[in-house]
Amino acid sequence: FCSPNGLTLASKMSKAFAKAFPDQR
């Protein structure tokens, strides 16, 4: 919760998944 770098990493991973799996929730 208090790691800005962890949040950025989560965001980058989420964007990669949205690109790779656009039909997944």
PDBML (XML) file of the C-alpha atoms, coordinates in Angstrom:
<?xml version="1.0" encoding="UTF-8" ?>
<PDBx:datablock datablockName="MODEL"
   xmlns:PDBx="http://pdbml.pdb.org/schema/pdbx-v50.xsd"
   xmlns:xsi="http://www.w3.org/2001/XMLSchema-instance"
   xsi:schemaLocation="http://pdbml.pdb.org/schema/pdbx-v50.xsd pdbx-v50.xsd">
   <PDBx:atom_siteCategory>
      <PDBx:atom_site id="1">
         <PDBx:B_iso_or_equiv>0.00</PDBx:B_iso_or_equiv>
         <PDBx:Cartn_x>0.000</PDBx:Cartn_x>
         <PDBx:Cartn_y>0.000</PDBx:Cartn_y>
         <PDBx:Cartn_z>0.000</PDBx:Cartn_z>
         <PDBx:auth_asym_id>A</PDBx:auth_asym_id>
         <PDBx:auth_atom_id>CA</PDBx:auth_atom_id>
         <PDBx:auth_comp_id>PHE</PDBx:auth_comp_id>
         <PDBx:auth_seq_id>1</PDBx:auth_seq_id>
         <PDBx:group_PDB>ATOM</PDBx:group_PDB>
         <PDBx:label_alt_id xsi:nil="true" />
         <PDBx:label_asym_id>A</PDBx:label_asym_id>
         <PDBx:label_atom_id>CA</PDBx:label_atom_id>
         <PDBx:label_comp_id>PHE</PDBx:label_comp_id>
         <PDBx:label_entity_id>1</PDBx:label_entity_id>
         <PDBx:label_seq_id>1</PDBx:label_seq_id>
         <PDBx:occupancy>1.00</PDBx:occupancy>
         <PDBx:pdbx_PDB_model_num>1</PDBx:pdbx_PDB_model_num>
         <PDBx:type_symbol>C</PDBx:type_symbol>
      </PDBx:atom_site>
      <PDBx:atom_site id="2">
         <PDBx:B_iso_or_equiv>0.00</PDBx:B_iso_or_equiv>
         <PDBx:Cartn_x>2.817</PDBx:Cartn_x>
         <PDBx:Cartn_y>2.511</PDBx:Cartn_y>
         <PDBx:Cartn_z>0.599</PDBx:Cartn_z>
         <PDBx:auth_asym_id>A</PDBx:auth_asym_id>
         <PDBx:auth_atom_id>CA</PDBx:auth_atom_id>
         <PDBx:auth_comp_id>CYS</PDBx:auth_comp_id>
         <PDBx:auth_seq_id>2</PDBx:auth_seq_id>
         <PDBx:group_PDB>ATOM</PDBx:group_PDB>
         <PDBx:label_alt_id xsi:nil="true" />
         <PDBx:label_asym_id>A</PDBx:label_asym_id>
         <PDBx:label_atom_id>CA</PDBx:label_atom_id>
         <PDBx:label_comp_id>CYS</PDBx:label_comp_id>
         <PDBx:label_entity_id>1</PDBx:label_entity_id>
         <PDBx:label_seq_id>2</PDBx:label_seq_id>
         <PDBx:occupancy>1.00</PDBx:occupancy>
         <PDBx:pdbx_PDB_model_num>1</PDBx:pdbx_PDB_model_num>
         <PDBx:type_symbol>C</PDBx:type_symbol>
      </PDBx:atom_site>
      <PDBx:atom_site id="3">
         <PDBx:B_iso_or_equiv>0.00</PDBx:B_iso_or_equiv>
         <PDBx:Cartn_x>5.197</PDBx:Cartn_x>
         <PDBx:Cartn_y>1.499</PDBx:Cartn_y>
         <PDBx:Cartn_z>-2.205</PDBx:Cartn_z>
         <PDBx:auth_asym_id>A</PDBx:auth_asym_id>
         <PDBx:auth_atom_id>CA</PDBx:auth_atom_id>
         <PDBx:auth_comp_id>SER</PDBx:auth_comp_id>
         <PDBx:auth_seq_id>3</PDBx:auth_seq_id>
         <PDBx:group_PDB>ATOM</PDBx:group_PDB>
         <PDBx:label_alt_id xsi:nil="true" />
         <PDBx:label_asym_id>A</PDBx:label_asym_id>
         <PDBx:label_atom_id>CA</PDBx:label_atom_id>
         <PDBx:label_comp_id>SER</PDBx:label_comp_id>
         <PDBx:label_entity_id>1</PDBx:label_entity_id>
         <PDBx:label_seq_id>3</PDBx:label_seq_id>
         <PDBx:occupancy>1.00</PDBx:occupancy>
         <PDBx:pdbx_PDB_model_num>1</PDBx:pdbx_PDB_model_num>
         <PDBx:type_symbol>C</PDBx:type_symbol>
      </PDBx:atom_site>
      <PDBx:atom_site id="4">
         <PDBx:B_iso_or_equiv>0.00</PDBx:B_iso_or_equiv>
         <PDBx:Cartn_x>5.006</PDBx:Cartn_x>
         <PDBx:Cartn_y>3.920</PDBx:Cartn_y>
         <PDBx:Cartn_z>-5.156</PDBx:Cartn_z>
         <PDBx:auth_asym_id>A</PDBx:auth_asym_id>
         <PDBx:auth_atom_id>CA</PDBx:auth_atom_id>
         <PDBx:auth_comp_id>PRO</PDBx:auth_comp_id>
         <PDBx:auth_seq_id>4</PDBx:auth_seq_id>
         <PDBx:group_PDB>ATOM</PDBx:group_PDB>
         <PDBx:label_alt_id xsi:nil="true" />
         <PDBx:label_asym_id>A</PDBx:label_asym_id>
         <PDBx:label_atom_id>CA</PDBx:label_atom_id>
         <PDBx:label_comp_id>PRO</PDBx:label_comp_id>
         <PDBx:label_entity_id>1</PDBx:label_entity_id>
         <PDBx:label_seq_id>4</PDBx:label_seq_id>
         <PDBx:occupancy>1.00</PDBx:occupancy>
         <PDBx:pdbx_PDB_model_num>1</PDBx:pdbx_PDB_model_num>
         <PDBx:type_symbol>C</PDBx:type_symbol>
      </PDBx:atom_site>
      <PDBx:atom_site id="5">
         <PDBx:B_iso_or_equiv>0.00</PDBx:B_iso_or_equiv>
         <PDBx:Cartn_x>7.311</PDBx:Cartn_x>
         <PDBx:Cartn_y>1.630</PDBx:Cartn_y>
         <PDBx:Cartn_z>-7.155</PDBx:Cartn_z>
         <PDBx:auth_asym_id>A</PDBx:auth_asym_id>
         <PDBx:auth_atom_id>CA</PDBx:auth_atom_id>
         <PDBx:auth_comp_id>ASN</PDBx:auth_comp_id>
         <PDBx:auth_seq_id>5</PDBx:auth_seq_id>
         <PDBx:group_PDB>ATOM</PDBx:group_PDB>
         <PDBx:label_alt_id xsi:nil="true" />
         <PDBx:label_asym_id>A</PDBx:label_asym_id>
         <PDBx:label_atom_id>CA</PDBx:label_atom_id>
         <PDBx:label_comp_id>ASN</PDBx:label_comp_id>
         <PDBx:label_entity_id>1</PDBx:label_entity_id>
         <PDBx:label_seq_id>5</PDBx:label_seq_id>
         <PDBx:occupancy>1.00</PDBx:occupancy>
         <PDBx:pdbx_PDB_model_num>1</PDBx:pdbx_PDB_model_num>
         <PDBx:type_symbol>C</PDBx:type_symbol>
      </PDBx:atom_site>
      <PDBx:atom_site id="6">
         <PDBx:B_iso_or_equiv>0.00</PDBx:B_iso_or_equiv>
         <PDBx:Cartn_x>5.122</PDBx:Cartn_x>
         <PDBx:Cartn_y>-1.356</PDBx:Cartn_y>
         <PDBx:Cartn_z>-6.326</PDBx:Cartn_z>
         <PDBx:auth_asym_id>A</PDBx:auth_asym_id>
         <PDBx:auth_atom_id>CA</PDBx:auth_atom_id>
         <PDBx:auth_comp_id>GLY</PDBx:auth_comp_id>
         <PDBx:auth_seq_id>6</PDBx:auth_seq_id>
         <PDBx:group_PDB>ATOM</PDBx:group_PDB>
         <PDBx:label_alt_id xsi:nil="true" />
         <PDBx:label_asym_id>A</PDBx:label_asym_id>
         <PDBx:label_atom_id>CA</PDBx:label_atom_id>
         <PDBx:label_comp_id>GLY</PDBx:label_comp_id>
         <PDBx:label_entity_id>1</PDBx:label_entity_id>
         <PDBx:label_seq_id>6</PDBx:label_seq_id>
         <PDBx:occupancy>1.00</PDBx:occupancy>
         <PDBx:pdbx_PDB_model_num>1</PDBx:pdbx_PDB_model_num>
         <PDBx:type_symbol>C</PDBx:type_symbol>
      </PDBx:atom_site>
      <PDBx:atom_site id="7">
         <PDBx:B_iso_or_equiv>0.00</PDBx:B_iso_or_equiv>
         <PDBx:Cartn_x>2.062</PDBx:Cartn_x>
         <PDBx:Cartn_y>0.542</PDBx:Cartn_y>
         <PDBx:Cartn_z>-7.526</PDBx:Cartn_z>
         <PDBx:auth_asym_id>A</PDBx:auth_asym_id>
         <PDBx:auth_atom_id>CA</PDBx:auth_atom_id>
         <PDBx:auth_comp_id>LEU</PDBx:auth_comp_id>
         <PDBx:auth_seq_id>7</PDBx:auth_seq_id>
         <PDBx:group_PDB>ATOM</PDBx:group_PDB>
         <PDBx:label_alt_id xsi:nil="true" />
         <PDBx:label_asym_id>A</PDBx:label_asym_id>
         <PDBx:label_atom_id>CA</PDBx:label_atom_id>
         <PDBx:label_comp_id>LEU</PDBx:label_comp_id>
         <PDBx:label_entity_id>1</PDBx:label_entity_id>
         <PDBx:label_seq_id>7</PDBx:label_seq_id>
         <PDBx:occupancy>1.00</PDBx:occupancy>
         <PDBx:pdbx_PDB_model_num>1</PDBx:pdbx_PDB_model_num>
         <PDBx:type_symbol>C</PDBx:type_symbol>
      </PDBx:atom_site>
      <PDBx:atom_site id="8">
         <PDBx:B_iso_or_equiv>0.00</PDBx:B_iso_or_equiv>
         <PDBx:Cartn_x>3.827</PDBx:Cartn_x>
         <PDBx:Cartn_y>1.481</PDBx:Cartn_y>
         <PDBx:Cartn_z>-10.758</PDBx:Cartn_z>
         <PDBx:auth_asym_id>A</PDBx:auth_asym_id>
         <PDBx:auth_atom_id>CA</PDBx:auth_atom_id>
         <PDBx:auth_comp_id>THR</PDBx:auth_comp_id>
         <PDBx:auth_seq_id>8</PDBx:auth_seq_id>
         <PDBx:group_PDB>ATOM</PDBx:group_PDB>
         <PDBx:label_alt_id xsi:nil="true" />
         <PDBx:label_asym_id>A</PDBx:label_asym_id>
         <PDBx:label_atom_id>CA</PDBx:label_atom_id>
         <PDBx:label_comp_id>THR</PDBx:label_comp_id>
         <PDBx:label_entity_id>1</PDBx:label_entity_id>
         <PDBx:label_seq_id>8</PDBx:label_seq_id>
         <PDBx:occupancy>1.00</PDBx:occupancy>
         <PDBx:pdbx_PDB_model_num>1</PDBx:pdbx_PDB_model_num>
         <PDBx:type_symbol>C</PDBx:type_symbol>
      </PDBx:atom_site>
      <PDBx:atom_site id="9">
         <PDBx:B_iso_or_equiv>0.00</PDBx:B_iso_or_equiv>
         <PDBx:Cartn_x>4.884</PDBx:Cartn_x>
         <PDBx:Cartn_y>-2.143</PDBx:Cartn_y>
         <PDBx:Cartn_z>-11.248</PDBx:Cartn_z>
         <PDBx:auth_asym_id>A</PDBx:auth_asym_id>
         <PDBx:auth_atom_id>CA</PDBx:auth_atom_id>
         <PDBx:auth_comp_id>LEU</PDBx:auth_comp_id>
         <PDBx:auth_seq_id>9</PDBx:auth_seq_id>
         <PDBx:group_PDB>ATOM</PDBx:group_PDB>
         <PDBx:label_alt_id xsi:nil="true" />
         <PDBx:label_asym_id>A</PDBx:label_asym_id>
         <PDBx:label_atom_id>CA</PDBx:label_atom_id>
         <PDBx:label_comp_id>LEU</PDBx:label_comp_id>
         <PDBx:label_entity_id>1</PDBx:label_entity_id>
         <PDBx:label_seq_id>9</PDBx:label_seq_id>
         <PDBx:occupancy>1.00</PDBx:occupancy>
         <PDBx:pdbx_PDB_model_num>1</PDBx:pdbx_PDB_model_num>
         <PDBx:type_symbol>C</PDBx:type_symbol>
      </PDBx:atom_site>
      <PDBx:atom_site id="10">
         <PDBx:B_iso_or_equiv>0.00</PDBx:B_iso_or_equiv>
         <PDBx:Cartn_x>1.283</PDBx:Cartn_x>
         <PDBx:Cartn_y>-3.281</PDBx:Cartn_y>
         <PDBx:Cartn_z>-10.703</PDBx:Cartn_z>
         <PDBx:auth_asym_id>A</PDBx:auth_asym_id>
         <PDBx:auth_atom_id>CA</PDBx:auth_atom_id>
         <PDBx:auth_comp_id>ALA</PDBx:auth_comp_id>
         <PDBx:auth_seq_id>10</PDBx:auth_seq_id>
         <PDBx:group_PDB>ATOM</PDBx:group_PDB>
         <PDBx:label_alt_id xsi:nil="true" />
         <PDBx:label_asym_id>A</PDBx:label_asym_id>
         <PDBx:label_atom_id>CA</PDBx:label_atom_id>
         <PDBx:label_comp_id>ALA</PDBx:label_comp_id>
         <PDBx:label_entity_id>1</PDBx:label_entity_id>
         <PDBx:label_seq_id>10</PDBx:label_seq_id>
         <PDBx:occupancy>1.00</PDBx:occupancy>
         <PDBx:pdbx_PDB_model_num>1</PDBx:pdbx_PDB_model_num>
         <PDBx:type_symbol>C</PDBx:type_symbol>
      </PDBx:atom_site>
      <PDBx:atom_site id="11">
         <PDBx:B_iso_or_equiv>0.00</PDBx:B_iso_or_equiv>
         <PDBx:Cartn_x>0.084</PDBx:Cartn_x>
         <PDBx:Cartn_y>-0.692</PDBx:Cartn_y>
         <PDBx:Cartn_z>-13.211</PDBx:Cartn_z>
         <PDBx:auth_asym_id>A</PDBx:auth_asym_id>
         <PDBx:auth_atom_id>CA</PDBx:auth_atom_id>
         <PDBx:auth_comp_id>SER</PDBx:auth_comp_id>
         <PDBx:auth_seq_id>11</PDBx:auth_seq_id>
         <PDBx:group_PDB>ATOM</PDBx:group_PDB>
         <PDBx:label_alt_id xsi:nil="true" />
         <PDBx:label_asym_id>A</PDBx:label_asym_id>
         <PDBx:label_atom_id>CA</PDBx:label_atom_id>
         <PDBx:label_comp_id>SER</PDBx:label_comp_id>
         <PDBx:label_entity_id>1</PDBx:label_entity_id>
         <PDBx:label_seq_id>11</PDBx:label_seq_id>
         <PDBx:occupancy>1.00</PDBx:occupancy>
         <PDBx:pdbx_PDB_model_num>1</PDBx:pdbx_PDB_model_num>
         <PDBx:type_symbol>C</PDBx:type_symbol>
      </PDBx:atom_site>
      <PDBx:atom_site id="12">
         <PDBx:B_iso_or_equiv>0.00</PDBx:B_iso_or_equiv>
         <PDBx:Cartn_x>2.621</PDBx:Cartn_x>
         <PDBx:Cartn_y>-1.791</PDBx:Cartn_y>
         <PDBx:Cartn_z>-15.850</PDBx:Cartn_z>
         <PDBx:auth_asym_id>A</PDBx:auth_asym_id>
         <PDBx:auth_atom_id>CA</PDBx:auth_atom_id>
         <PDBx:auth_comp_id>LYS</PDBx:auth_comp_id>
         <PDBx:auth_seq_id>12</PDBx:auth_seq_id>
         <PDBx:group_PDB>ATOM</PDBx:group_PDB>
         <PDBx:label_alt_id xsi:nil="true" />
         <PDBx:label_asym_id>A</PDBx:label_asym_id>
         <PDBx:label_atom_id>CA</PDBx:label_atom_id>
         <PDBx:label_comp_id>LYS</PDBx:label_comp_id>
         <PDBx:label_entity_id>1</PDBx:label_entity_id>
         <PDBx:label_seq_id>12</PDBx:label_seq_id>
         <PDBx:occupancy>1.00</PDBx:occupancy>
         <PDBx:pdbx_PDB_model_num>1</PDBx:pdbx_PDB_model_num>
         <PDBx:type_symbol>C</PDBx:type_symbol>
      </PDBx:atom_site>
      <PDBx:atom_site id="13">
         <PDBx:B_iso_or_equiv>0.00</PDBx:B_iso_or_equiv>
         <PDBx:Cartn_x>1.645</PDBx:Cartn_x>
         <PDBx:Cartn_y>-5.422</PDBx:Cartn_y>
         <PDBx:Cartn_z>-15.329</PDBx:Cartn_z>
         <PDBx:auth_asym_id>A</PDBx:auth_asym_id>
         <PDBx:auth_atom_id>CA</PDBx:auth_atom_id>
         <PDBx:auth_comp_id>MET</PDBx:auth_comp_id>
         <PDBx:auth_seq_id>13</PDBx:auth_seq_id>
         <PDBx:group_PDB>ATOM</PDBx:group_PDB>
         <PDBx:label_alt_id xsi:nil="true" />
         <PDBx:label_asym_id>A</PDBx:label_asym_id>
         <PDBx:label_atom_id>CA</PDBx:label_atom_id>
         <PDBx:label_comp_id>MET</PDBx:label_comp_id>
         <PDBx:label_entity_id>1</PDBx:label_entity_id>
         <PDBx:label_seq_id>13</PDBx:label_seq_id>
         <PDBx:occupancy>1.00</PDBx:occupancy>
         <PDBx:pdbx_PDB_model_num>1</PDBx:pdbx_PDB_model_num>
         <PDBx:type_symbol>C</PDBx:type_symbol>
      </PDBx:atom_site>
      <PDBx:atom_site id="14">
         <PDBx:B_iso_or_equiv>0.00</PDBx:B_iso_or_equiv>
         <PDBx:Cartn_x>-2.055</PDBx:Cartn_x>
         <PDBx:Cartn_y>-4.606</PDBx:Cartn_y>
         <PDBx:Cartn_z>-15.570</PDBx:Cartn_z>
         <PDBx:auth_asym_id>A</PDBx:auth_asym_id>
         <PDBx:auth_atom_id>CA</PDBx:auth_atom_id>
         <PDBx:auth_comp_id>SER</PDBx:auth_comp_id>
         <PDBx:auth_seq_id>14</PDBx:auth_seq_id>
         <PDBx:group_PDB>ATOM</PDBx:group_PDB>
         <PDBx:label_alt_id xsi:nil="true" />
         <PDBx:label_asym_id>A</PDBx:label_asym_id>
         <PDBx:label_atom_id>CA</PDBx:label_atom_id>
         <PDBx:label_comp_id>SER</PDBx:label_comp_id>
         <PDBx:label_entity_id>1</PDBx:label_entity_id>
         <PDBx:label_seq_id>14</PDBx:label_seq_id>
         <PDBx:occupancy>1.00</PDBx:occupancy>
         <PDBx:pdbx_PDB_model_num>1</PDBx:pdbx_PDB_model_num>
         <PDBx:type_symbol>C</PDBx:type_symbol>
      </PDBx:atom_site>
      <PDBx:atom_site id="15">
         <PDBx:B_iso_or_equiv>0.00</PDBx:B_iso_or_equiv>
         <PDBx:Cartn_x>-1.499</PDBx:Cartn_x>
         <PDBx:Cartn_y>-2.738</PDBx:Cartn_y>
         <PDBx:Cartn_z>-18.857</PDBx:Cartn_z>
         <PDBx:auth_asym_id>A</PDBx:auth_asym_id>
         <PDBx:auth_atom_id>CA</PDBx:auth_atom_id>
         <PDBx:auth_comp_id>LYS</PDBx:auth_comp_id>
         <PDBx:auth_seq_id>15</PDBx:auth_seq_id>
         <PDBx:group_PDB>ATOM</PDBx:group_PDB>
         <PDBx:label_alt_id xsi:nil="true" />
         <PDBx:label_asym_id>A</PDBx:label_asym_id>
         <PDBx:label_atom_id>CA</PDBx:label_atom_id>
         <PDBx:label_comp_id>LYS</PDBx:label_comp_id>
         <PDBx:label_entity_id>1</PDBx:label_entity_id>
         <PDBx:label_seq_id>15</PDBx:label_seq_id>
         <PDBx:occupancy>1.00</PDBx:occupancy>
         <PDBx:pdbx_PDB_model_num>1</PDBx:pdbx_PDB_model_num>
         <PDBx:type_symbol>C</PDBx:type_symbol>
      </PDBx:atom_site>
      <PDBx:atom_site id="16">
         <PDBx:B_iso_or_equiv>0.00</PDBx:B_iso_or_equiv>
         <PDBx:Cartn_x>0.469</PDBx:Cartn_x>
         <PDBx:Cartn_y>-5.684</PDBx:Cartn_y>
         <PDBx:Cartn_z>-20.264</PDBx:Cartn_z>
         <PDBx:auth_asym_id>A</PDBx:auth_asym_id>
         <PDBx:auth_atom_id>CA</PDBx:auth_atom_id>
         <PDBx:auth_comp_id>ALA</PDBx:auth_comp_id>
         <PDBx:auth_seq_id>16</PDBx:auth_seq_id>
         <PDBx:group_PDB>ATOM</PDBx:group_PDB>
         <PDBx:label_alt_id xsi:nil="true" />
         <PDBx:label_asym_id>A</PDBx:label_asym_id>
         <PDBx:label_atom_id>CA</PDBx:label_atom_id>
         <PDBx:label_comp_id>ALA</PDBx:label_comp_id>
         <PDBx:label_entity_id>1</PDBx:label_entity_id>
         <PDBx:label_seq_id>16</PDBx:label_seq_id>
         <PDBx:occupancy>1.00</PDBx:occupancy>
         <PDBx:pdbx_PDB_model_num>1</PDBx:pdbx_PDB_model_num>
         <PDBx:type_symbol>C</PDBx:type_symbol>
      </PDBx:atom_site>
      <PDBx:atom_site id="17">
         <PDBx:B_iso_or_equiv>0.00</PDBx:B_iso_or_equiv>
         <PDBx:Cartn_x>-2.399</PDBx:Cartn_x>
         <PDBx:Cartn_y>-8.019</PDBx:Cartn_y>
         <PDBx:Cartn_z>-19.335</PDBx:Cartn_z>
         <PDBx:auth_asym_id>A</PDBx:auth_asym_id>
         <PDBx:auth_atom_id>CA</PDBx:auth_atom_id>
         <PDBx:auth_comp_id>PHE</PDBx:auth_comp_id>
         <PDBx:auth_seq_id>17</PDBx:auth_seq_id>
         <PDBx:group_PDB>ATOM</PDBx:group_PDB>
         <PDBx:label_alt_id xsi:nil="true" />
         <PDBx:label_asym_id>A</PDBx:label_asym_id>
         <PDBx:label_atom_id>CA</PDBx:label_atom_id>
         <PDBx:label_comp_id>PHE</PDBx:label_comp_id>
         <PDBx:label_entity_id>1</PDBx:label_entity_id>
         <PDBx:label_seq_id>17</PDBx:label_seq_id>
         <PDBx:occupancy>1.00</PDBx:occupancy>
         <PDBx:pdbx_PDB_model_num>1</PDBx:pdbx_PDB_model_num>
         <PDBx:type_symbol>C</PDBx:type_symbol>
      </PDBx:atom_site>
      <PDBx:atom_site id="18">
         <PDBx:B_iso_or_equiv>0.00</PDBx:B_iso_or_equiv>
         <PDBx:Cartn_x>-5.032</PDBx:Cartn_x>
         <PDBx:Cartn_y>-5.691</PDBx:Cartn_y>
         <PDBx:Cartn_z>-20.814</PDBx:Cartn_z>
         <PDBx:auth_asym_id>A</PDBx:auth_asym_id>
         <PDBx:auth_atom_id>CA</PDBx:auth_atom_id>
         <PDBx:auth_comp_id>ALA</PDBx:auth_comp_id>
         <PDBx:auth_seq_id>18</PDBx:auth_seq_id>
         <PDBx:group_PDB>ATOM</PDBx:group_PDB>
         <PDBx:label_alt_id xsi:nil="true" />
         <PDBx:label_asym_id>A</PDBx:label_asym_id>
         <PDBx:label_atom_id>CA</PDBx:label_atom_id>
         <PDBx:label_comp_id>ALA</PDBx:label_comp_id>
         <PDBx:label_entity_id>1</PDBx:label_entity_id>
         <PDBx:label_seq_id>18</PDBx:label_seq_id>
         <PDBx:occupancy>1.00</PDBx:occupancy>
         <PDBx:pdbx_PDB_model_num>1</PDBx:pdbx_PDB_model_num>
         <PDBx:type_symbol>C</PDBx:type_symbol>
      </PDBx:atom_site>
      <PDBx:atom_site id="19">
         <PDBx:B_iso_or_equiv>0.00</PDBx:B_iso_or_equiv>
         <PDBx:Cartn_x>-3.059</PDBx:Cartn_x>
         <PDBx:Cartn_y>-5.734</PDBx:Cartn_y>
         <PDBx:Cartn_z>-24.066</PDBx:Cartn_z>
         <PDBx:auth_asym_id>A</PDBx:auth_asym_id>
         <PDBx:auth_atom_id>CA</PDBx:auth_atom_id>
         <PDBx:auth_comp_id>LYS</PDBx:auth_comp_id>
         <PDBx:auth_seq_id>19</PDBx:auth_seq_id>
         <PDBx:group_PDB>ATOM</PDBx:group_PDB>
         <PDBx:label_alt_id xsi:nil="true" />
         <PDBx:label_asym_id>A</PDBx:label_asym_id>
         <PDBx:label_atom_id>CA</PDBx:label_atom_id>
         <PDBx:label_comp_id>LYS</PDBx:label_comp_id>
         <PDBx:label_entity_id>1</PDBx:label_entity_id>
         <PDBx:label_seq_id>19</PDBx:label_seq_id>
         <PDBx:occupancy>1.00</PDBx:occupancy>
         <PDBx:pdbx_PDB_model_num>1</PDBx:pdbx_PDB_model_num>
         <PDBx:type_symbol>C</PDBx:type_symbol>
      </PDBx:atom_site>
      <PDBx:atom_site id="20">
         <PDBx:B_iso_or_equiv>0.00</PDBx:B_iso_or_equiv>
         <PDBx:Cartn_x>-2.459</PDBx:Cartn_x>
         <PDBx:Cartn_y>-9.504</PDBx:Cartn_y>
         <PDBx:Cartn_z>-24.078</PDBx:Cartn_z>
         <PDBx:auth_asym_id>A</PDBx:auth_asym_id>
         <PDBx:auth_atom_id>CA</PDBx:auth_atom_id>
         <PDBx:auth_comp_id>ALA</PDBx:auth_comp_id>
         <PDBx:auth_seq_id>20</PDBx:auth_seq_id>
         <PDBx:group_PDB>ATOM</PDBx:group_PDB>
         <PDBx:label_alt_id xsi:nil="true" />
         <PDBx:label_asym_id>A</PDBx:label_asym_id>
         <PDBx:label_atom_id>CA</PDBx:label_atom_id>
         <PDBx:label_comp_id>ALA</PDBx:label_comp_id>
         <PDBx:label_entity_id>1</PDBx:label_entity_id>
         <PDBx:label_seq_id>20</PDBx:label_seq_id>
         <PDBx:occupancy>1.00</PDBx:occupancy>
         <PDBx:pdbx_PDB_model_num>1</PDBx:pdbx_PDB_model_num>
         <PDBx:type_symbol>C</PDBx:type_symbol>
      </PDBx:atom_site>
      <PDBx:atom_site id="21">
         <PDBx:B_iso_or_equiv>0.00</PDBx:B_iso_or_equiv>
         <PDBx:Cartn_x>-5.903</PDBx:Cartn_x>
         <PDBx:Cartn_y>-10.528</PDBx:Cartn_y>
         <PDBx:Cartn_z>-22.793</PDBx:Cartn_z>
         <PDBx:auth_asym_id>A</PDBx:auth_asym_id>
         <PDBx:auth_atom_id>CA</PDBx:auth_atom_id>
         <PDBx:auth_comp_id>PHE</PDBx:auth_comp_id>
         <PDBx:auth_seq_id>21</PDBx:auth_seq_id>
         <PDBx:group_PDB>ATOM</PDBx:group_PDB>
         <PDBx:label_alt_id xsi:nil="true" />
         <PDBx:label_asym_id>A</PDBx:label_asym_id>
         <PDBx:label_atom_id>CA</PDBx:label_atom_id>
         <PDBx:label_comp_id>PHE</PDBx:label_comp_id>
         <PDBx:label_entity_id>1</PDBx:label_entity_id>
         <PDBx:label_seq_id>21</PDBx:label_seq_id>
         <PDBx:occupancy>1.00</PDBx:occupancy>
         <PDBx:pdbx_PDB_model_num>1</PDBx:pdbx_PDB_model_num>
         <PDBx:type_symbol>C</PDBx:type_symbol>
      </PDBx:atom_site>
      <PDBx:atom_site id="22">
         <PDBx:B_iso_or_equiv>0.00</PDBx:B_iso_or_equiv>
         <PDBx:Cartn_x>-8.399</PDBx:Cartn_x>
         <PDBx:Cartn_y>-7.824</PDBx:Cartn_y>
         <PDBx:Cartn_z>-23.822</PDBx:Cartn_z>
         <PDBx:auth_asym_id>A</PDBx:auth_asym_id>
         <PDBx:auth_atom_id>CA</PDBx:auth_atom_id>
         <PDBx:auth_comp_id>PRO</PDBx:auth_comp_id>
         <PDBx:auth_seq_id>22</PDBx:auth_seq_id>
         <PDBx:group_PDB>ATOM</PDBx:group_PDB>
         <PDBx:label_alt_id xsi:nil="true" />
         <PDBx:label_asym_id>A</PDBx:label_asym_id>
         <PDBx:label_atom_id>CA</PDBx:label_atom_id>
         <PDBx:label_comp_id>PRO</PDBx:label_comp_id>
         <PDBx:label_entity_id>1</PDBx:label_entity_id>
         <PDBx:label_seq_id>22</PDBx:label_seq_id>
         <PDBx:occupancy>1.00</PDBx:occupancy>
         <PDBx:pdbx_PDB_model_num>1</PDBx:pdbx_PDB_model_num>
         <PDBx:type_symbol>C</PDBx:type_symbol>
      </PDBx:atom_site>
      <PDBx:atom_site id="23">
         <PDBx:B_iso_or_equiv>0.00</PDBx:B_iso_or_equiv>
         <PDBx:Cartn_x>-11.395</PDBx:Cartn_x>
         <PDBx:Cartn_y>-10.118</PDBx:Cartn_y>
         <PDBx:Cartn_z>-23.327</PDBx:Cartn_z>
         <PDBx:auth_asym_id>A</PDBx:auth_asym_id>
         <PDBx:auth_atom_id>CA</PDBx:auth_atom_id>
         <PDBx:auth_comp_id>ASP</PDBx:auth_comp_id>
         <PDBx:auth_seq_id>23</PDBx:auth_seq_id>
         <PDBx:group_PDB>ATOM</PDBx:group_PDB>
         <PDBx:label_alt_id xsi:nil="true" />
         <PDBx:label_asym_id>A</PDBx:label_asym_id>
         <PDBx:label_atom_id>CA</PDBx:label_atom_id>
         <PDBx:label_comp_id>ASP</PDBx:label_comp_id>
         <PDBx:label_entity_id>1</PDBx:label_entity_id>
         <PDBx:label_seq_id>23</PDBx:label_seq_id>
         <PDBx:occupancy>1.00</PDBx:occupancy>
         <PDBx:pdbx_PDB_model_num>1</PDBx:pdbx_PDB_model_num>
         <PDBx:type_symbol>C</PDBx:type_symbol>
      </PDBx:atom_site>
      <PDBx:atom_site id="24">
         <PDBx:B_iso_or_equiv>0.00</PDBx:B_iso_or_equiv>
         <PDBx:Cartn_x>-10.509</PDBx:Cartn_x>
         <PDBx:Cartn_y>-10.996</PDBx:Cartn_y>
         <PDBx:Cartn_z>-19.720</PDBx:Cartn_z>
         <PDBx:auth_asym_id>A</PDBx:auth_asym_id>
         <PDBx:auth_atom_id>CA</PDBx:auth_atom_id>
         <PDBx:auth_comp_id>GLN</PDBx:auth_comp_id>
         <PDBx:auth_seq_id>24</PDBx:auth_seq_id>
         <PDBx:group_PDB>ATOM</PDBx:group_PDB>
         <PDBx:label_alt_id xsi:nil="true" />
         <PDBx:label_asym_id>A</PDBx:label_asym_id>
         <PDBx:label_atom_id>CA</PDBx:label_atom_id>
         <PDBx:label_comp_id>GLN</PDBx:label_comp_id>
         <PDBx:label_entity_id>1</PDBx:label_entity_id>
         <PDBx:label_seq_id>24</PDBx:label_seq_id>
         <PDBx:occupancy>1.00</PDBx:occupancy>
         <PDBx:pdbx_PDB_model_num>1</PDBx:pdbx_PDB_model_num>
         <PDBx:type_symbol>C</PDBx:type_symbol>
      </PDBx:atom_site>
      <PDBx:atom_site id="25">
         <PDBx:B_iso_or_equiv>0.00</PDBx:B_iso_or_equiv>
         <PDBx:Cartn_x>-11.938</PDBx:Cartn_x>
         <PDBx:Cartn_y>-9.024</PDBx:Cartn_y>
         <PDBx:Cartn_z>-16.811</PDBx:Cartn_z>
         <PDBx:auth_asym_id>A</PDBx:auth_asym_id>
         <PDBx:auth_atom_id>CA</PDBx:auth_atom_id>
         <PDBx:auth_comp_id>ARG</PDBx:auth_comp_id>
         <PDBx:auth_seq_id>25</PDBx:auth_seq_id>
         <PDBx:group_PDB>ATOM</PDBx:group_PDB>
         <PDBx:label_alt_id xsi:nil="true" />
         <PDBx:label_asym_id>A</PDBx:label_asym_id>
         <PDBx:label_atom_id>CA</PDBx:label_atom_id>
         <PDBx:label_comp_id>ARG</PDBx:label_comp_id>
         <PDBx:label_entity_id>1</PDBx:label_entity_id>
         <PDBx:label_seq_id>25</PDBx:label_seq_id>
         <PDBx:occupancy>1.00</PDBx:occupancy>
         <PDBx:pdbx_PDB_model_num>1</PDBx:pdbx_PDB_model_num>
         <PDBx:type_symbol>C</PDBx:type_symbol>
      </PDBx:atom_site>
   </PDBx:atom_siteCategory>
</PDBx:datablock>
